[in-house]
Amino acid sequence: MRSPAAAQFYQRLWELDEGYAQVNRALERMRSIRGFHPDELARCSALAAEARAVTLSYLLEVLQESESKEAGRLFRTRRRREARQDDA
């Protein structure tokens, strides 16, 4: 992943993670409001935690694939350059 794209990706990843943290904080604060069932709020928190894990796992998997391809491309470029230097 190129630098500007990588910076944008990591910014968005942080925003997503922070968004899920905000959801969990809000759900926790809801516990102090009468009328909400604590067990149901706990279930909602668990669902949010699952959604966070699934989302971040998918995005990081895509990043890993991209970085692996880039590493392979850079490795091949370096090997060709080294082979040319050895031949010279």
PDB file of N, CA and C in Angstrom:
ATOM      1  N   MET A   1       0.846  -1.170   0.000  1.00  0.00           N
ATOM      2  CA  MET A   1       0.000   0.000   0.000  1.00  0.00           C
ATOM      3  C   MET A   1       0.891   1.233   0.000  1.00  0.00           C
ATOM      4  N   ARG A   2       0.620   2.132  -0.872  1.00  0.00           N
ATOM      5  CA  ARG A   2       1.414   3.356  -0.973  1.00  0.00           C
ATOM      6  C   ARG A   2       1.190   4.246   0.241  1.00  0.00           C
ATOM      7  N   SER A   3       2.111   5.127   0.502  1.00  0.00           N
ATOM      8  CA  SER A   3       2.099   5.940   1.711  1.00  0.00           C
ATOM      9  C   SER A   3       0.823   6.755   1.917  1.00  0.00           C
ATOM     10  N   PRO A   4       0.366   7.567   0.936  1.00  0.00           N
ATOM     11  CA  PRO A   4      -0.869   8.324   1.186  1.00  0.00           C
ATOM     12  C   PRO A   4      -2.065   7.407   1.431  1.00  0.00           C
ATOM     13  N   ALA A   5      -2.143   6.331   0.669  1.00  0.00           N
ATOM     14  CA  ALA A   5      -3.245   5.387   0.864  1.00  0.00           C
ATOM     15  C   ALA A   5      -3.130   4.712   2.221  1.00  0.00           C
ATOM     16  N   ALA A   6      -1.913   4.379   2.626  1.00  0.00           N
ATOM     17  CA  ALA A   6      -1.712   3.739   3.928  1.00  0.00           C
ATOM     18  C   ALA A   6      -2.113   4.684   5.046  1.00  0.00           C
ATOM     19  N   ALA A   7      -1.725   5.930   4.942  1.00  0.00           N
ATOM     20  CA  ALA A   7      -2.087   6.904   5.978  1.00  0.00           C
ATOM     21  C   ALA A   7      -3.594   7.050   6.060  1.00  0.00           C
ATOM     22  N   GLN A   8      -4.255   7.114   4.923  1.00  0.00           N
ATOM     23  CA  GLN A   8      -5.718   7.229   4.902  1.00  0.00           C
ATOM     24  C   GLN A   8      -6.355   5.971   5.491  1.00  0.00           C
ATOM     25  N   PHE A   9      -5.826   4.798   5.130  1.00  0.00           N
ATOM     26  CA  PHE A   9      -6.358   3.545   5.659  1.00  0.00           C
ATOM     27  C   PHE A   9      -6.259   3.521   7.178  1.00  0.00           C
ATOM     28  N   TYR A  10      -5.083   3.838   7.714  1.00  0.00           N
ATOM     29  CA  TYR A  10      -4.906   3.790   9.161  1.00  0.00           C
ATOM     30  C   TYR A  10      -5.770   4.827   9.871  1.00  0.00           C
ATOM     31  N   GLN A  11      -5.978   5.974   9.251  1.00  0.00           N
ATOM     32  CA  GLN A  11      -6.865   6.990   9.830  1.00  0.00           C
ATOM     33  C   GLN A  11      -8.293   6.451   9.907  1.00  0.00           C
ATOM     34  N   ARG A  12      -8.765   5.861   8.812  1.00  0.00           N
ATOM     35  CA  ARG A  12     -10.128   5.304   8.786  1.00  0.00           C
ATOM     36  C   ARG A  12     -10.258   4.140   9.772  1.00  0.00           C
ATOM     37  N   LEU A  13      -9.237   3.331   9.863  1.00  0.00           N
ATOM     38  CA  LEU A  13      -9.247   2.210  10.806  1.00  0.00           C
ATOM     39  C   LEU A  13      -9.371   2.732  12.235  1.00  0.00           C
ATOM     40  N   TRP A  14      -8.611   3.767  12.549  1.00  0.00           N
ATOM     41  CA  TRP A  14      -8.684   4.369  13.878  1.00  0.00           C
ATOM     42  C   TRP A  14     -10.083   4.935  14.120  1.00  0.00           C
ATOM     43  N   GLU A  15     -10.652   5.597  13.109  1.00  0.00           N
ATOM     44  CA  GLU A  15     -11.989   6.167  13.246  1.00  0.00           C
ATOM     45  C   GLU A  15     -13.025   5.078  13.519  1.00  0.00           C
ATOM     46  N   LEU A  16     -12.920   3.968  12.807  1.00  0.00           N
ATOM     47  CA  LEU A  16     -13.835   2.850  13.047  1.00  0.00           C
ATOM     48  C   LEU A  16     -13.684   2.315  14.469  1.00  0.00           C
ATOM     49  N   ASP A  17     -12.455   2.097  14.881  1.00  0.00           N
ATOM     50  CA  ASP A  17     -12.209   1.572  16.217  1.00  0.00           C
ATOM     51  C   ASP A  17     -12.738   2.532  17.274  1.00  0.00           C
ATOM     52  N   GLU A  18     -12.501   3.812  17.082  1.00  0.00           N
ATOM     53  CA  GLU A  18     -12.996   4.816  18.016  1.00  0.00           C
ATOM     54  C   GLU A  18     -14.523   4.855  18.014  1.00  0.00           C
ATOM     55  N   GLY A  19     -15.125   4.669  16.856  1.00  0.00           N
ATOM     56  CA  GLY A  19     -16.591   4.623  16.769  1.00  0.00           C
ATOM     57  C   GLY A  19     -17.170   3.482  17.577  1.00  0.00           C
ATOM     58  N   TYR A  20     -16.554   2.317  17.467  1.00  0.00           N
ATOM     59  CA  TYR A  20     -17.022   1.183  18.275  1.00  0.00           C
ATOM     60  C   TYR A  20     -16.809   1.443  19.762  1.00  0.00           C
ATOM     61  N   ALA A  21     -15.709   2.070  20.116  1.00  0.00           N
ATOM     62  CA  ALA A  21     -15.468   2.408  21.524  1.00  0.00           C
ATOM     63  C   ALA A  21     -16.533   3.379  22.017  1.00  0.00           C
ATOM     64  N   GLN A  22     -16.922   4.313  21.161  1.00  0.00           N
ATOM     65  CA  GLN A  22     -17.965   5.272  21.529  1.00  0.00           C
ATOM     66  C   GLN A  22     -19.293   4.557  21.756  1.00  0.00           C
ATOM     67  N   VAL A  23     -19.615   3.599  20.915  1.00  0.00           N
ATOM     68  CA  VAL A  23     -20.838   2.808  21.089  1.00  0.00           C
ATOM     69  C   VAL A  23     -20.810   2.117  22.447  1.00  0.00           C
ATOM     70  N   ASN A  24     -19.691   1.485  22.769  1.00  0.00           N
ATOM     71  CA  ASN A  24     -19.607   0.769  24.043  1.00  0.00           C
ATOM     72  C   ASN A  24     -19.694   1.717  25.233  1.00  0.00           C
ATOM     73  N   ARG A  25     -19.076   2.893  25.137  1.00  0.00           N
ATOM     74  CA  ARG A  25     -19.183   3.865  26.230  1.00  0.00           C
ATOM     75  C   ARG A  25     -20.626   4.323  26.409  1.00  0.00           C
ATOM     76  N   ALA A  26     -21.313   4.577  25.299  1.00  0.00           N
ATOM     77  CA  ALA A  26     -22.705   5.019  25.376  1.00  0.00           C
ATOM     78  C   ALA A  26     -23.592   3.930  25.966  1.00  0.00           C
ATOM     79  N   LEU A  27     -23.375   2.701  25.554  1.00  0.00           N
ATOM     80  CA  LEU A  27     -24.155   1.599  26.126  1.00  0.00           C
ATOM     81  C   LEU A  27     -23.897   1.467  27.628  1.00  0.00           C
ATOM     82  N   GLU A  28     -22.662   1.638  28.028  1.00  0.00           N
ATOM     83  CA  GLU A  28     -22.329   1.560  29.454  1.00  0.00           C
ATOM     84  C   GLU A  28     -23.040   2.672  30.227  1.00  0.00           C
ATOM     85  N   ARG A  29     -23.082   3.873  29.670  1.00  0.00           N
ATOM     86  CA  ARG A  29     -23.771   4.989  30.338  1.00  0.00           C
ATOM     87  C   ARG A  29     -25.274   4.761  30.403  1.00  0.00           C
ATOM     88  N   MET A  30     -25.817   4.016  29.454  1.00  0.00           N
ATOM     89  CA  MET A  30     -27.252   3.707  29.453  1.00  0.00           C
ATOM     90  C   MET A  30     -27.661   2.880  30.671  1.00  0.00           C
ATOM     91  N   ARG A  31     -26.706   2.178  31.242  1.00  0.00           N
ATOM     92  CA  ARG A  31     -27.021   1.347  32.417  1.00  0.00           C
ATOM     93  C   ARG A  31     -27.534   2.184  33.581  1.00  0.00           C
ATOM     94  N   SER A  32     -27.144   3.461  33.628  1.00  0.00           N
ATOM     95  CA  SER A  32     -27.569   4.312  34.735  1.00  0.00           C
ATOM     96  C   SER A  32     -28.974   4.891  34.521  1.00  0.00           C
ATOM     97  N   ILE A  33     -29.550   4.654  33.355  1.00  0.00           N
ATOM     98  CA  ILE A  33     -30.886   5.172  33.051  1.00  0.00           C
ATOM     99  C   ILE A  33     -31.911   4.076  33.337  1.00  0.00           C
ATOM    100  N   ARG A  34     -32.882   4.416  34.145  1.00  0.00           N
ATOM    101  CA  ARG A  34     -33.927   3.437  34.489  1.00  0.00           C
ATOM    102  C   ARG A  34     -34.690   3.017  33.241  1.00  0.00           C
ATOM    103  N   GLY A  35     -35.108   1.788  33.242  1.00  0.00           N
ATOM    104  CA  GLY A  35     -35.932   1.281  32.150  1.00  0.00           C
ATOM    105  C   GLY A  35     -35.187   0.385  31.180  1.00  0.00           C
ATOM    106  N   PHE A  36     -33.863   0.465  31.199  1.00  0.00           N
ATOM    107  CA  PHE A  36     -33.090  -0.423  30.333  1.00  0.00           C
ATOM    108  C   PHE A  36     -32.690  -1.667  31.118  1.00  0.00           C
ATOM    109  N   HIS A  37     -32.843  -2.796  30.502  1.00  0.00           N
ATOM    110  CA  HIS A  37     -32.473  -4.057  31.144  1.00  0.00           C
ATOM    111  C   HIS A  37     -30.972  -4.276  30.996  1.00  0.00           C
ATOM    112  N   PRO A  38     -30.259  -4.437  32.109  1.00  0.00           N
ATOM    113  CA  PRO A  38     -28.799  -4.617  32.043  1.00  0.00           C
ATOM    114  C   PRO A  38     -28.370  -5.798  31.166  1.00  0.00           C
ATOM    115  N   ASP A  39     -29.133  -6.882  31.214  1.00  0.00           N
ATOM    116  CA  ASP A  39     -28.773  -8.041  30.390  1.00  0.00           C
ATOM    117  C   ASP A  39     -28.880  -7.722  28.897  1.00  0.00           C
ATOM    118  N   GLU A  40     -29.875  -6.942  28.544  1.00  0.00           N
ATOM    119  CA  GLU A  40     -30.048  -6.585  27.132  1.00  0.00           C
ATOM    120  C   GLU A  40     -28.957  -5.620  26.687  1.00  0.00           C
ATOM    121  N   LEU A  41     -28.586  -4.696  27.564  1.00  0.00           N
ATOM    122  CA  LEU A  41     -27.481  -3.792  27.237  1.00  0.00           C
ATOM    123  C   LEU A  41     -26.170  -4.563  27.109  1.00  0.00           C
ATOM    124  N   ALA A  42     -25.975  -5.561  27.951  1.00  0.00           N
ATOM    125  CA  ALA A  42     -24.774  -6.402  27.850  1.00  0.00           C
ATOM    126  C   ALA A  42     -24.771  -7.166  26.529  1.00  0.00           C
ATOM    127  N   ARG A  43     -25.950  -7.631  26.100  1.00  0.00           N
ATOM    128  CA  ARG A  43     -26.053  -8.336  24.816  1.00  0.00           C
ATOM    129  C   ARG A  43     -25.702  -7.383  23.671  1.00  0.00           C
ATOM    130  N   CYS A  44     -26.190  -6.160  23.749  1.00  0.00           N
ATOM    131  CA  CYS A  44     -25.874  -5.159  22.719  1.00  0.00           C
ATOM    132  C   CYS A  44     -24.372  -4.873  22.686  1.00  0.00           C
ATOM    133  N   SER A  45     -23.756  -4.771  23.861  1.00  0.00           N
ATOM    134  CA  SER A  45     -22.302  -4.545  23.931  1.00  0.00           C
ATOM    135  C   SER A  45     -21.540  -5.703  23.293  1.00  0.00           C
ATOM    136  N   ALA A  46     -21.999  -6.911  23.566  1.00  0.00           N
ATOM    137  CA  ALA A  46     -21.344  -8.092  22.985  1.00  0.00           C
ATOM    138  C   ALA A  46     -21.490  -8.095  21.465  1.00  0.00           C
ATOM    139  N   LEU A  47     -22.657  -7.725  20.973  1.00  0.00           N
ATOM    140  CA  LEU A  47     -22.865  -7.659  19.523  1.00  0.00           C
ATOM    141  C   LEU A  47     -21.979  -6.589  18.897  1.00  0.00           C
ATOM    142  N   ALA A  48     -21.852  -5.446  19.564  1.00  0.00           N
ATOM    143  CA  ALA A  48     -20.979  -4.379  19.052  1.00  0.00           C
ATOM    144  C   ALA A  48     -19.529  -4.837  19.041  1.00  0.00           C
ATOM    145  N   ALA A  49     -19.114  -5.557  20.088  1.00  0.00           N
ATOM    146  CA  ALA A  49     -17.741  -6.066  20.144  1.00  0.00           C
ATOM    147  C   ALA A  49     -17.494  -7.070  19.016  1.00  0.00           C
ATOM    148  N   GLU A  50     -18.485  -7.893  18.733  1.00  0.00           N
ATOM    149  CA  GLU A  50     -18.359  -8.853  17.632  1.00  0.00           C
ATOM    150  C   GLU A  50     -18.265  -8.128  16.292  1.00  0.00           C
ATOM    151  N   ALA A  51     -19.110  -7.118  16.093  1.00  0.00           N
ATOM    152  CA  ALA A  51     -19.079  -6.353  14.841  1.00  0.00           C
ATOM    153  C   ALA A  51     -17.730  -5.664  14.679  1.00  0.00           C
ATOM    154  N   ARG A  52     -17.197  -5.122  15.764  1.00  0.00           N
ATOM    155  CA  ARG A  52     -15.878  -4.477  15.721  1.00  0.00           C
ATOM    156  C   ARG A  52     -14.817  -5.478  15.287  1.00  0.00           C
ATOM    157  N   ALA A  53     -14.812  -6.641  15.913  1.00  0.00           N
ATOM    158  CA  ALA A  53     -13.804  -7.647  15.607  1.00  0.00           C
ATOM    159  C   ALA A  53     -13.901  -8.114  14.151  1.00  0.00           C
ATOM    160  N   VAL A  54     -15.101  -8.351  13.685  1.00  0.00           N
ATOM    161  CA  VAL A  54     -15.293  -8.805  12.302  1.00  0.00           C
ATOM    162  C   VAL A  54     -14.835  -7.727  11.321  1.00  0.00           C
ATOM    163  N   THR A  55     -15.233  -6.494  11.582  1.00  0.00           N
ATOM    164  CA  THR A  55     -14.894  -5.386  10.685  1.00  0.00           C
ATOM    165  C   THR A  55     -13.388  -5.173  10.613  1.00  0.00           C
ATOM    166  N   LEU A  56     -12.745  -5.047  11.780  1.00  0.00           N
ATOM    167  CA  LEU A  56     -11.304  -4.789  11.795  1.00  0.00           C
ATOM    168  C   LEU A  56     -10.528  -5.985  11.243  1.00  0.00           C
ATOM    169  N   SER A  57     -10.988  -7.197  11.528  1.00  0.00           N
ATOM    170  CA  SER A  57     -10.321  -8.384  11.002  1.00  0.00           C
ATOM    171  C   SER A  57     -10.344  -8.385   9.483  1.00  0.00           C
ATOM    172  N   TYR A  58     -11.498  -8.091   8.903  1.00  0.00           N
ATOM    173  CA  TYR A  58     -11.607  -8.057   7.445  1.00  0.00           C
ATOM    174  C   TYR A  58     -10.688  -6.989   6.850  1.00  0.00           C
ATOM    175  N   LEU A  59     -10.757  -5.794   7.395  1.00  0.00           N
ATOM    176  CA  LEU A  59      -9.950  -4.696   6.844  1.00  0.00           C
ATOM    177  C   LEU A  59      -8.454  -4.985   6.962  1.00  0.00           C
ATOM    178  N   LEU A  60      -8.041  -5.538   8.084  1.00  0.00           N
ATOM    179  CA  LEU A  60      -6.623  -5.860   8.264  1.00  0.00           C
ATOM    180  C   LEU A  60      -6.193  -7.019   7.372  1.00  0.00           C
ATOM    181  N   GLU A  61      -7.110  -7.932   7.088  1.00  0.00           N
ATOM    182  CA  GLU A  61      -6.796  -9.026   6.161  1.00  0.00           C
ATOM    183  C   GLU A  61      -6.541  -8.478   4.763  1.00  0.00           C
ATOM    184  N   VAL A  62      -7.369  -7.541   4.331  1.00  0.00           N
ATOM    185  CA  VAL A  62      -7.172  -6.916   3.023  1.00  0.00           C
ATOM    186  C   VAL A  62      -5.836  -6.178   2.996  1.00  0.00           C
ATOM    187  N   LEU A  63      -5.526  -5.457   4.078  1.00  0.00           N
ATOM    188  CA  LEU A  63      -4.246  -4.756   4.167  1.00  0.00           C
ATOM    189  C   LEU A  63      -3.089  -5.750   4.094  1.00  0.00           C
ATOM    190  N   GLN A  64      -3.203  -6.853   4.812  1.00  0.00           N
ATOM    191  CA  GLN A  64      -2.136  -7.860   4.818  1.00  0.00           C
ATOM    192  C   GLN A  64      -1.887  -8.399   3.413  1.00  0.00           C
ATOM    193  N   GLU A  65      -2.946  -8.670   2.678  1.00  0.00           N
ATOM    194  CA  GLU A  65      -2.794  -9.147   1.298  1.00  0.00           C
ATOM    195  C   GLU A  65      -2.090  -8.105   0.440  1.00  0.00           C
ATOM    196  N   SER A  66      -2.504  -6.868   0.586  1.00  0.00           N
ATOM    197  CA  SER A  66      -1.902  -5.784  -0.192  1.00  0.00           C
ATOM    198  C   SER A  66      -0.426  -5.620   0.149  1.00  0.00           C
ATOM    199  N   GLU A  67      -0.106  -5.637   1.434  1.00  0.00           N
ATOM    200  CA  GLU A  67       1.289  -5.475   1.860  1.00  0.00           C
ATOM    201  C   GLU A  67       2.139  -6.657   1.409  1.00  0.00           C
ATOM    202  N   SER A  68       1.583  -7.865   1.437  1.00  0.00           N
ATOM    203  CA  SER A  68       2.331  -9.037   0.975  1.00  0.00           C
ATOM    204  C   SER A  68       2.645  -8.939  -0.511  1.00  0.00           C
ATOM    205  N   LYS A  69       1.670  -8.484  -1.293  1.00  0.00           N
ATOM    206  CA  LYS A  69       1.919  -8.303  -2.730  1.00  0.00           C
ATOM    207  C   LYS A  69       2.986  -7.243  -2.957  1.00  0.00           C
ATOM    208  N   GLU A  70       2.896  -6.148  -2.202  1.00  0.00           N
ATOM    209  CA  GLU A  70       3.886  -5.076  -2.340  1.00  0.00           C
ATOM    210  C   GLU A  70       5.273  -5.576  -1.929  1.00  0.00           C
ATOM    211  N   ALA A  71       5.349  -6.354  -0.865  1.00  0.00           N
ATOM    212  CA  ALA A  71       6.638  -6.902  -0.432  1.00  0.00           C
ATOM    213  C   ALA A  71       7.231  -7.808  -1.515  1.00  0.00           C
ATOM    214  N   GLY A  72       6.391  -8.629  -2.132  1.00  0.00           N
ATOM    215  CA  GLY A  72       6.859  -9.492  -3.217  1.00  0.00           C
ATOM    216  C   GLY A  72       7.354  -8.686  -4.399  1.00  0.00           C
ATOM    217  N   ARG A  73       6.624  -7.640  -4.772  1.00  0.00           N
ATOM    218  CA  ARG A  73       7.030  -6.790  -5.888  1.00  0.00           C
ATOM    219  C   ARG A  73       8.364  -6.119  -5.592  1.00  0.00           C
ATOM    220  N   LEU A  74       8.512  -5.580  -4.388  1.00  0.00           N
ATOM    221  CA  LEU A  74       9.768  -4.926  -4.007  1.00  0.00           C
ATOM    222  C   LEU A  74      10.929  -5.915  -3.954  1.00  0.00           C
ATOM    223  N   PHE A  75      10.668  -7.129  -3.478  1.00  0.00           N
ATOM    224  CA  PHE A  75      11.699  -8.157  -3.427  1.00  0.00           C
ATOM    225  C   PHE A  75      12.179  -8.494  -4.834  1.00  0.00           C
ATOM    226  N   ARG A  76      11.223  -8.691  -5.765  1.00  0.00           N
ATOM    227  CA  ARG A  76      11.600  -9.020  -7.146  1.00  0.00           C
ATOM    228  C   ARG A  76      12.391  -7.884  -7.781  1.00  0.00           C
ATOM    229  N   THR A  77      11.989  -6.646  -7.520  1.00  0.00           N
ATOM    230  CA  THR A  77      12.710  -5.486  -8.044  1.00  0.00           C
ATOM    231  C   THR A  77      14.137  -5.452  -7.506  1.00  0.00           C
ATOM    232  N   ARG A  78      14.293  -5.670  -6.225  1.00  0.00           N
ATOM    233  CA  ARG A  78      15.628  -5.675  -5.619  1.00  0.00           C
ATOM    234  C   ARG A  78      16.480  -6.801  -6.187  1.00  0.00           C
ATOM    235  N   ARG A  79      15.920  -7.980  -6.343  1.00  0.00           N
ATOM    236  CA  ARG A  79      16.686  -9.112  -6.883  1.00  0.00           C
ATOM    237  C   ARG A  79      17.154  -8.838  -8.306  1.00  0.00           C
ATOM    238  N   ARG A  80      16.288  -8.248  -9.130  1.00  0.00           N
ATOM    239  CA  ARG A  80      16.692  -7.907 -10.502  1.00  0.00           C
ATOM    240  C   ARG A  80      17.814  -6.880 -10.495  1.00  0.00           C
ATOM    241  N   ARG A  81      17.692  -5.879  -9.635  1.00  0.00           N
ATOM    242  CA  ARG A  81      18.734  -4.838  -9.541  1.00  0.00           C
ATOM    243  C   ARG A  81      20.044  -5.454  -9.083  1.00  0.00           C
ATOM    244  N   GLU A  82      20.008  -6.319  -8.088  1.00  0.00           N
ATOM    245  CA  GLU A  82      21.224  -6.967  -7.592  1.00  0.00           C
ATOM    246  C   GLU A  82      21.841  -7.859  -8.654  1.00  0.00           C
ATOM    247  N   ALA A  83      20.983  -8.563  -9.422  1.00  0.00           N
ATOM    248  CA  ALA A  83      21.511  -9.435 -10.489  1.00  0.00           C
ATOM    249  C   ALA A  83      22.196  -8.603 -11.568  1.00  0.00           C
ATOM    250  N   ARG A  84      21.615  -7.450 -11.917  1.00  0.00           N
ATOM    251  CA  ARG A  84      22.242  -6.564 -12.911  1.00  0.00           C
ATOM    252  C   ARG A  84      23.583  -6.057 -12.383  1.00  0.00           C
ATOM    253  N   GLN A  85      23.644  -5.715 -11.110  1.00  0.00           N
ATOM    254  CA  GLN A  85      24.894  -5.216 -10.512  1.00  0.00           C
ATOM    255  C   GLN A  85      25.950  -6.313 -10.477  1.00  0.00           C
ATOM    256  N   ASP A  86      25.538  -7.550 -10.229  1.00  0.00           N
ATOM    257  CA  ASP A  86      26.480  -8.664 -10.207  1.00  0.00           C
ATOM    258  C   ASP A  86      27.049  -8.940 -11.604  1.00  0.00           C
ATOM    259  N   ASP A  87      26.213  -8.746 -12.635  1.00  0.00           N
ATOM    260  CA  ASP A  87      26.633  -8.970 -14.005  1.00  0.00           C
ATOM    261  C   ASP A  87      27.560  -7.882 -14.508  1.00  0.00           C
ATOM    262  N   ALA A  88      27.519  -6.731 -13.896  1.00  0.00           N
ATOM    263  CA  ALA A  88      28.324  -5.590 -14.359  1.00  0.00           C
ATOM    264  C   ALA A  88      29.750  -5.656 -13.906  1.00  0.00           C
TER     265      ALA A  88
END
